[in-house]
Amino acid sequence: MPPQRWLHNLEHGSVALLYHPCAPKALVESLRAFAKAQKPQPGEAEFRQVMSPYPKLKHAIAMVTWGHIYYADCVQPKAMEAWLLEHYNKASEDMAG
């Protein structure tokens, strides 16, 4: 997915879940499972996210919201959920907030 596509989603309060194309398949599947486990916020029909490989990452994975980036080399659900709580749905053109 080209960056301009997921960047547009960020403007509306979504999160981009990015992974390095060389990341192990099991790590990518863990990231996908993490995304599927997220509950929608009040006013949302579903958790708003896009997931895509991104070759410019210096870490295995990243979560990107409007103005904020979380980098990691493994999926750590508790830390990632805490980060989302602080940064998800907080954008200039947020659809749910």
Protein backbone atom coordinates (compact mmCIF):
# COMPACT_ATOMS: atom_id res chain seq x y z
CA MET A 1 0.00 0.00 0.00
CA PRO A 2 1.53 3.35 -0.93
CA PRO A 3 2.29 5.63 2.03
CA GLN A 4 -0.08 8.36 0.82
CA ARG A 5 -2.96 5.92 1.19
CA TRP A 6 -2.27 5.03 4.82
CA LEU A 7 -1.32 8.63 5.62
CA HIS A 8 -4.79 9.75 4.56
CA ASN A 9 -6.28 7.23 6.99
CA LEU A 10 -4.16 8.72 9.79
CA GLU A 11 -5.77 12.11 9.22
CA HIS A 12 -9.08 10.51 10.16
CA GLY A 13 -7.88 8.96 13.43
CA SER A 14 -6.91 5.53 12.13
CA VAL A 15 -3.68 3.67 12.88
CA ALA A 16 -1.24 2.22 10.34
CA LEU A 17 0.35 -1.06 11.39
CA LEU A 18 3.54 -1.35 9.38
CA TYR A 19 6.05 -4.17 9.15
CA HIS A 20 9.37 -4.54 7.42
CA PRO A 21 9.05 -6.76 4.31
CA CYS A 22 11.80 -9.01 5.72
CA ALA A 23 10.03 -9.48 9.06
CA PRO A 24 9.38 -13.14 9.88
CA LYS A 25 5.96 -14.39 8.84
CA ALA A 26 5.13 -15.31 12.44
CA LEU A 27 5.75 -11.71 13.53
CA VAL A 28 3.50 -10.36 10.78
CA GLU A 29 0.79 -12.82 11.83
CA SER A 30 1.16 -11.69 15.46
CA LEU A 31 0.71 -8.09 14.37
CA ARG A 32 -2.37 -9.06 12.36
CA ALA A 33 -3.81 -10.95 15.36
CA PHE A 34 -3.15 -7.91 17.56
CA ALA A 35 -5.09 -5.70 15.15
CA LYS A 36 -8.01 -8.14 14.98
CA ALA A 37 -8.17 -8.27 18.78
CA GLN A 38 -8.68 -4.51 19.12
CA LYS A 39 -12.18 -3.39 20.05
CA PRO A 40 -13.88 -0.47 18.29
CA GLN A 41 -14.04 2.81 20.17
CA PRO A 42 -17.44 4.36 20.99
CA GLY A 43 -18.96 5.59 17.74
CA GLU A 44 -16.95 3.18 15.57
CA ALA A 45 -18.34 0.18 13.73
CA GLU A 46 -14.90 -1.44 13.83
CA PHE A 47 -11.31 -0.73 14.86
CA ARG A 48 -9.93 1.50 12.12
CA GLN A 49 -6.53 0.34 10.90
CA VAL A 50 -4.52 -0.39 7.81
CA MET A 51 -1.68 -2.88 7.69
CA SER A 52 1.09 -2.80 5.12
CA PRO A 53 4.72 -3.68 4.54
CA TYR A 54 7.03 -0.66 4.56
CA PRO A 55 10.64 -1.17 3.46
CA LYS A 56 12.03 1.98 5.11
CA LEU A 57 11.45 0.72 8.68
CA LYS A 58 14.56 0.39 10.84
CA HIS A 59 12.61 -1.91 13.20
CA ALA A 60 10.48 -4.95 12.48
CA ILE A 61 7.15 -3.21 13.14
CA ALA A 62 5.68 0.22 13.72
CA MET A 63 2.32 1.70 14.64
CA VAL A 64 1.69 5.15 13.24
CA THR A 65 -1.04 7.61 14.17
CA TRP A 66 -1.35 11.28 13.33
CA GLY A 67 1.91 12.76 14.66
CA HIS A 68 3.11 9.71 16.63
CA ILE A 69 5.12 6.55 15.90
CA TYR A 70 5.65 3.43 18.01
CA TYR A 71 8.59 1.23 16.94
CA ALA A 72 9.27 -2.32 18.11
CA ASP A 73 10.97 -5.53 17.09
CA CYS A 74 8.23 -7.74 18.50
CA VAL A 75 4.53 -7.56 19.30
CA GLN A 76 3.99 -6.53 22.92
CA PRO A 77 0.18 -6.30 23.27
CA LYS A 78 0.02 -4.50 26.65
CA ALA A 79 2.51 -1.79 25.66
CA MET A 80 0.93 -1.41 22.23
CA GLU A 81 -2.60 -1.15 23.66
CA ALA A 82 -1.43 1.50 26.14
CA TRP A 83 0.15 3.45 23.27
CA LEU A 84 -3.04 3.19 21.20
CA LEU A 85 -5.12 4.41 24.13
CA GLU A 86 -3.04 7.58 24.14
CA HIS A 87 -2.78 8.18 20.37
CA TYR A 88 -5.62 6.45 18.47
CA ASN A 89 -8.62 8.56 17.36
CA LYS A 90 -6.75 11.82 17.92
CA ALA A 91 -6.24 13.43 14.54
CA SER A 92 -7.05 16.61 12.68
CA GLU A 93 -10.03 15.11 10.84
CA ASP A 94 -10.97 12.37 13.29
CA MET A 95 -14.18 10.65 12.22
CA ALA A 96 -15.06 9.08 15.57
CA GLY A 97 -13.93 11.73 18.03
